[in-house]
Amino acid sequence: MKPHHLLLALLTIILASCEKTEPSAQGKLRVLTSFLPLQAHATAIASDLAEVEQLLARDTGPHDFQFTPADVTKLADSDLFIINGGGLEEWLDELVEKAGAEKLTLIDCSEGLTLLPSPADLDPATSLQPGDNPHTWLDPRLARQQAATILAALQKADPKNAAAYAENFTAYAEKLDALDAEFRAVLDPLPNKNLVTFHEAFPYLAARYGLNYIGAISEFPEKDPSPQDLAALIDRIRAAKVGVLFAESGYAPGLLKRIASETDARVSELDTLEVGQGDPQAYLDRMRRNLAALQAAFSNP
């Protein structure tokens, strides 16, 4: 087991063993989520039965998050902290340590999911090694499983409202099922499904809906590939006759535009849902926009 994963596993065991099942003095459970997809799921399931807040600010993503003293206080005051897991929240251990929240319960929504591997860093001169890919939320079926994990956590922490949480989950799960059905109905008949993205965020979505994942420009948004790896990717793009390269909202598409100019492709955009605030409709609405972008790209290669 990788050192980071071992530390996270131990942290989860320690936090989960602490008995924190009583709501706050105001009568409502205090729930903190790391970023948008989990916030959307939690608010849909909790409704007004719990106080649900998102840790990350509206304009910050989990890859570049740097917590502040106010964030430490926010975590210390929470009953549940819901994270995506899979190594996404790399700042987690330090934040929890500084919060000193002995009775906090950590909910890792990657538990029970089969994680796909991420590639080694594109530049062999670096020391990064392959690891698990954390972008599970971009598969609506896996998002449903994450929502079920959140339901179980809310019911355990606030048993008097367990039935109401279950009712809310059922309604929300039906919407996630409908979203999954829409993806299948739209994408299944399209003949051209060659997918090239900015970084390695979409392997779960590609695997779920039969997309041909040609490759990603950069494993992480802040790092460009080496010239050799970039040339190899351009060759694959040309060979597969890829017509659209997908940038990501929140990141400058300059590199993709240069590649597009060399491959006669055009640039569109997909949303990783990493930035923004998650109301109960946020996940559903933004994933439907992704579906519309994929449909337009694959229908007009």
Protein backbone atom coordinates (compact mmCIF):
# COMPACT_ATOMS: atom_id res chain seq x y z
CA MET A 1 0.00 0.00 0.00
CA LYS A 2 1.31 3.45 -0.90
CA PRO A 3 2.35 5.63 2.10
CA HIS A 4 -0.34 8.23 1.37
CA HIS A 5 -3.05 5.56 1.16
CA LEU A 6 -1.83 3.90 4.36
CA LEU A 7 -1.94 7.20 6.25
CA LEU A 8 -5.41 7.95 4.92
CA ALA A 9 -6.63 4.47 5.87
CA LEU A 10 -5.31 4.87 9.41
CA LEU A 11 -6.83 8.33 9.66
CA THR A 12 -10.19 7.00 8.49
CA ILE A 13 -10.14 4.24 11.10
CA ILE A 14 -9.21 6.66 13.88
CA LEU A 15 -11.84 9.21 12.98
CA ALA A 16 -14.58 6.68 12.31
CA SER A 17 -13.95 5.06 15.69
CA CYS A 18 -14.82 8.28 17.48
CA GLU A 19 -18.41 8.37 18.61
CA LYS A 20 -19.97 11.53 17.18
CA THR A 21 -23.57 10.65 16.54
CA GLU A 22 -25.33 13.55 18.21
CA PRO A 23 -26.32 16.61 16.14
CA SER A 24 -25.01 20.04 17.10
CA ALA A 25 -26.48 22.12 19.86
CA GLN A 26 -28.67 23.87 17.29
CA GLY A 27 -30.35 20.51 16.62
CA LYS A 28 -28.87 19.85 13.19
CA LEU A 29 -25.95 17.75 12.08
CA ARG A 30 -23.00 19.80 10.81
CA VAL A 31 -21.74 18.36 7.54
CA LEU A 32 -18.70 19.62 5.64
CA THR A 33 -17.95 18.43 2.10
CA SER A 34 -14.69 18.92 0.25
CA PHE A 35 -15.91 20.11 -3.17
CA LEU A 36 -18.82 20.49 -5.60
CA PRO A 37 -20.02 16.95 -6.50
CA LEU A 38 -20.10 15.82 -2.87
CA GLN A 39 -21.78 19.06 -1.84
CA ALA A 40 -24.46 18.51 -4.48
CA HIS A 41 -25.11 14.93 -3.35
CA ALA A 42 -25.11 15.82 0.35
CA THR A 43 -27.45 18.79 0.01
CA ALA A 44 -29.86 16.77 -2.12
CA ILE A 45 -30.00 13.99 0.49
CA ALA A 46 -29.91 16.13 3.63
CA SER A 47 -32.25 18.88 2.40
CA ASP A 48 -32.96 21.05 5.45
CA LEU A 49 -32.35 18.27 7.96
CA ALA A 50 -28.64 19.06 8.33
CA GLU A 51 -26.33 22.02 7.92
CA VAL A 52 -24.26 21.20 4.83
CA GLU A 53 -21.32 23.41 3.87
CA GLN A 54 -18.55 23.15 1.28
CA LEU A 55 -14.93 23.57 2.30
CA LEU A 56 -13.55 24.84 -1.00
CA ALA A 57 -14.43 28.34 -2.11
CA ARG A 58 -16.37 28.93 -5.31
CA ASP A 59 -13.27 29.68 -7.40
CA THR A 60 -10.94 26.98 -5.99
CA GLY A 61 -10.43 23.40 -7.14
CA PRO A 62 -9.19 20.45 -5.06
CA HIS A 63 -5.87 20.22 -6.94
CA ASP A 64 -4.75 23.73 -5.95
CA PHE A 65 -6.55 24.17 -2.61
CA GLN A 66 -4.57 25.74 0.24
CA PHE A 67 -6.47 25.85 3.49
CA THR A 68 -6.66 28.89 5.76
CA PRO A 69 -7.15 29.24 9.54
CA ALA A 70 -10.85 29.78 8.82
CA ASP A 71 -10.97 26.41 7.05
CA VAL A 72 -9.33 24.75 10.05
CA THR A 73 -12.01 26.23 12.31
CA LYS A 74 -14.74 25.17 9.90
CA LEU A 75 -13.53 21.57 10.00
CA ALA A 76 -13.15 21.59 13.78
CA ASP A 77 -16.79 22.66 14.13
CA SER A 78 -18.13 19.89 11.86
CA ASP A 79 -19.58 16.50 12.76
CA LEU A 80 -18.98 14.84 9.39
CA PHE A 81 -16.37 15.59 6.75
CA ILE A 82 -17.22 14.05 3.37
CA ILE A 83 -14.34 13.66 0.91
CA ASN A 84 -13.98 12.10 -2.51
CA GLY A 85 -10.90 10.10 -1.54
CA GLY A 86 -8.72 8.19 -3.96
CA GLY A 87 -5.88 10.60 -3.21
CA LEU A 88 -7.70 13.69 -4.51
CA GLU A 89 -7.58 15.65 -1.25
CA GLU A 90 -3.81 15.58 -0.82
CA TRP A 91 -4.03 18.31 1.82
CA LEU A 92 -6.38 16.24 3.99
CA ASP A 93 -4.01 14.83 6.60
CA GLU A 94 -2.44 18.19 7.44
CA LEU A 95 -5.82 19.92 7.63
CA VAL A 96 -7.29 17.32 9.99
CA GLU A 97 -4.19 17.41 12.17
CA LYS A 98 -4.36 21.19 12.51
CA ALA A 99 -8.11 21.09 13.22
CA GLY A 100 -7.57 18.68 16.11
CA ALA A 101 -11.12 17.47 15.64
CA GLU A 102 -11.09 14.40 17.85
CA LYS A 103 -14.79 13.62 17.38
CA LEU A 104 -14.95 14.30 13.63
CA THR A 105 -16.10 11.43 11.41
CA LEU A 106 -14.42 11.22 8.01
CA ILE A 107 -16.47 9.81 5.14
CA ASP A 108 -14.35 8.60 2.22
CA CYS A 109 -16.59 8.23 -0.83
CA SER A 110 -14.01 6.21 -2.76
CA GLU A 111 -14.36 3.28 -0.39
CA GLY A 112 -16.00 0.34 -2.11
CA LEU A 113 -15.19 1.66 -5.60
CA THR A 114 -12.74 0.03 -7.98
CA LEU A 115 -10.27 2.75 -8.90
CA LEU A 116 -8.67 2.93 -12.31
CA PRO A 117 -4.93 3.57 -12.56
CA SER A 118 -3.50 6.93 -13.52
CA PRO A 119 -0.46 6.89 -15.81
CA ALA A 120 3.03 7.71 -14.67
CA ASP A 121 3.99 11.33 -15.08
CA LEU A 122 4.46 12.13 -18.77
CA ASP A 123 7.99 13.38 -18.17
CA PRO A 124 10.23 10.39 -17.27
CA ALA A 125 12.72 12.76 -15.66
CA THR A 126 10.37 13.30 -12.72
CA SER A 127 9.86 10.95 -9.78
CA LEU A 128 6.07 10.67 -9.92
CA GLN A 129 4.75 7.13 -10.08
CA PRO A 130 1.45 5.71 -11.36
CA GLY A 131 -1.38 5.76 -8.86
CA ASP A 132 -5.13 5.52 -8.53
CA ASN A 133 -7.18 7.98 -10.55
CA PRO A 134 -9.54 9.87 -8.20
CA HIS A 135 -12.00 11.31 -10.78
CA THR A 136 -14.76 8.81 -9.99
CA TRP A 137 -17.53 11.41 -9.72
CA LEU A 138 -17.51 11.97 -13.51
CA ASP A 139 -19.21 8.58 -13.96
CA PRO A 140 -22.89 9.02 -12.99
CA ARG A 141 -23.14 5.39 -11.86
CA LEU A 142 -20.20 5.82 -9.50
CA ALA A 143 -21.64 9.15 -8.37
CA ARG A 144 -24.76 7.24 -7.35
CA GLN A 145 -22.63 4.91 -5.24
CA GLN A 146 -20.96 7.92 -3.63
CA ALA A 147 -24.38 9.36 -2.85
CA ALA A 148 -25.34 6.05 -1.22
CA THR A 149 -22.22 6.28 0.96
CA ILE A 150 -23.28 9.77 2.02
CA LEU A 151 -26.78 8.51 2.82
CA ALA A 152 -25.41 5.80 5.10
CA ALA A 153 -23.19 8.31 6.89
CA LEU A 154 -26.05 10.74 7.48
CA GLN A 155 -28.32 7.98 8.77
CA LYS A 156 -25.68 6.70 11.19
CA ALA A 157 -24.85 10.16 12.51
CA ASP A 158 -28.47 11.34 12.74
CA PRO A 159 -30.66 8.23 13.17
CA LYS A 160 -33.82 10.12 14.08
CA ASN A 161 -33.94 11.47 10.51
CA ALA A 162 -32.86 8.24 8.82
CA ALA A 163 -36.19 7.66 7.07
CA ALA A 164 -36.30 11.20 5.70
CA TYR A 165 -32.72 10.91 4.42
CA ALA A 166 -33.67 7.65 2.70
CA GLU A 167 -36.67 9.27 1.05
CA ASN A 168 -34.55 12.16 -0.23
CA PHE A 169 -31.91 9.74 -1.50
CA THR A 170 -34.49 7.74 -3.42
CA ALA A 171 -35.66 10.85 -5.25
CA TYR A 172 -32.10 11.95 -5.98
CA ALA A 173 -30.98 8.49 -7.08
CA GLU A 174 -33.81 8.44 -9.62
CA LYS A 175 -32.39 11.63 -11.10
CA LEU A 176 -28.91 10.11 -11.26
CA ASP A 177 -30.37 7.02 -12.94
CA ALA A 178 -32.10 9.26 -15.48
CA LEU A 179 -28.81 11.07 -16.13
CA ASP A 180 -27.07 7.75 -16.75
CA ALA A 181 -29.84 6.71 -19.14
CA GLU A 182 -29.46 9.99 -21.04
CA PHE A 183 -25.72 9.45 -21.46
CA ARG A 184 -26.33 5.97 -22.85
CA ALA A 185 -29.13 7.04 -25.16
CA VAL A 186 -27.15 9.94 -26.60
CA LEU A 187 -23.68 8.40 -26.85
CA ASP A 188 -24.38 4.77 -27.79
CA PRO A 189 -25.43 5.41 -31.42
CA LEU A 190 -22.69 7.93 -32.25
CA PRO A 191 -20.05 6.44 -34.59
CA ASN A 192 -17.09 8.64 -33.64
CA LYS A 193 -16.20 8.57 -29.95
CA ASN A 194 -12.46 9.26 -29.92
CA LEU A 195 -11.77 11.30 -26.80
CA VAL A 196 -8.72 13.50 -26.14
CA THR A 197 -8.81 15.65 -23.00
CA PHE A 198 -6.60 18.16 -21.22
CA HIS A 199 -5.68 15.92 -18.30
CA GLU A 200 -6.53 12.44 -17.11
CA ALA A 201 -9.94 13.28 -15.60
CA PHE A 202 -12.33 11.25 -17.74
CA PRO A 203 -11.32 7.56 -17.80
CA TYR A 204 -14.31 6.53 -15.66
CA LEU A 205 -16.79 8.31 -17.91
CA ALA A 206 -15.06 6.87 -20.99
CA ALA A 207 -15.13 3.34 -19.60
CA ARG A 208 -18.80 3.61 -18.64
CA TYR A 209 -20.05 4.81 -22.02
CA GLY A 210 -17.68 3.14 -24.44
CA LEU A 211 -15.62 6.18 -25.40
CA ASN A 212 -12.24 5.56 -27.02
CA TYR A 213 -9.87 7.43 -24.72
CA ILE A 214 -6.97 8.29 -27.03
CA GLY A 215 -5.08 10.17 -24.34
CA ALA A 216 -4.69 13.28 -22.24
CA ILE A 217 -2.42 16.27 -22.83
CA SER A 218 -1.23 16.44 -19.24
CA GLU A 219 -1.72 14.19 -16.26
CA PHE A 220 -2.23 17.20 -14.02
CA PRO A 221 -3.53 20.62 -15.13
CA GLU A 222 -0.42 22.49 -13.97
CA LYS A 223 2.15 20.44 -15.90
CA ASP A 224 2.76 20.23 -19.66
CA PRO A 225 4.00 17.02 -21.28
CA SER A 226 7.56 16.56 -22.51
CA PRO A 227 8.20 17.22 -26.23
CA GLN A 228 8.57 13.49 -26.90
CA ASP A 229 5.28 12.57 -25.25
CA LEU A 230 3.52 15.46 -26.94
CA ALA A 231 4.78 14.33 -30.35
CA ALA A 232 3.57 10.78 -29.66
CA LEU A 233 0.13 12.04 -28.66
CA ILE A 234 -0.10 14.18 -31.81
CA ASP A 235 0.70 11.08 -33.87
CA ARG A 236 -2.13 9.17 -32.13
CA ILE A 237 -4.54 12.03 -32.69
CA ARG A 238 -3.75 12.12 -36.40
CA ALA A 239 -3.94 8.33 -36.75
CA ALA A 240 -7.36 8.20 -35.06
CA LYS A 241 -8.59 11.22 -37.04
CA VAL A 242 -9.71 12.98 -33.86
CA GLY A 243 -11.74 16.03 -34.75
CA VAL A 244 -12.22 17.62 -31.31
CA LEU A 245 -9.86 18.17 -28.39
CA PHE A 246 -11.48 18.91 -25.05
CA ALA A 247 -10.17 21.70 -22.85
CA GLU A 248 -11.38 22.02 -19.26
CA SER A 249 -13.28 24.88 -17.72
CA GLY A 250 -11.02 26.96 -15.50
CA TYR A 251 -7.78 26.24 -17.36
CA ALA A 252 -6.27 28.12 -20.30
CA PRO A 253 -6.57 26.07 -23.52
CA GLY A 254 -3.37 27.42 -25.09
CA LEU A 255 -1.57 24.07 -25.35
CA LEU A 256 -4.64 22.36 -26.80
CA LYS A 257 -5.02 25.11 -29.37
CA ARG A 258 -1.45 24.58 -30.52
CA ILE A 259 -2.04 20.84 -30.84
CA ALA A 260 -5.32 21.46 -32.67
CA SER A 261 -3.54 23.64 -35.19
CA GLU A 262 -1.13 20.76 -35.94
CA THR A 263 -3.83 18.10 -36.22
CA ASP A 264 -6.65 19.99 -37.97
CA ALA A 265 -8.84 19.51 -34.90
CA ARG A 266 -10.98 22.03 -33.11
CA VAL A 267 -11.19 22.73 -29.37
CA SER A 268 -14.30 22.21 -27.26
CA GLU A 269 -14.68 22.12 -23.47
CA LEU A 270 -15.59 19.63 -20.76
CA ASP A 271 -16.27 20.43 -17.12
CA THR A 272 -14.55 18.38 -14.40
CA LEU A 273 -16.95 19.85 -11.81
CA GLU A 274 -13.99 20.67 -9.59
CA VAL A 275 -14.73 24.39 -9.22
CA GLY A 276 -17.92 26.01 -7.96
CA GLN A 277 -20.55 25.52 -5.28
CA GLY A 278 -22.80 22.49 -5.26
CA ASP A 279 -26.52 23.04 -4.84
CA PRO A 280 -28.78 19.97 -5.24
CA GLN A 281 -29.01 20.44 -9.02
CA ALA A 282 -25.38 21.36 -9.69
CA TYR A 283 -24.07 17.88 -10.46
CA LEU A 284 -27.00 17.00 -12.70
CA ASP A 285 -26.96 20.28 -14.63
CA ARG A 286 -23.23 20.42 -15.23
CA MET A 287 -23.00 16.77 -16.27
CA ARG A 288 -25.78 17.38 -18.80
CA ARG A 289 -23.74 20.22 -20.24
CA ASN A 290 -20.86 17.78 -20.60
CA LEU A 291 -23.16 15.39 -22.42
CA ALA A 292 -24.24 18.13 -24.81
CA ALA A 293 -20.58 18.97 -25.53
CA LEU A 294 -19.76 15.31 -26.22
CA GLN A 295 -22.79 14.91 -28.47
CA ALA A 296 -21.86 17.99 -30.51
CA ALA A 297 -18.26 16.85 -30.85
CA PHE A 298 -18.97 13.25 -31.80
CA SER A 299 -21.83 14.13 -34.13
CA ASN A 300 -19.65 16.58 -36.08
CA PRO A 301 -16.15 15.06 -36.24
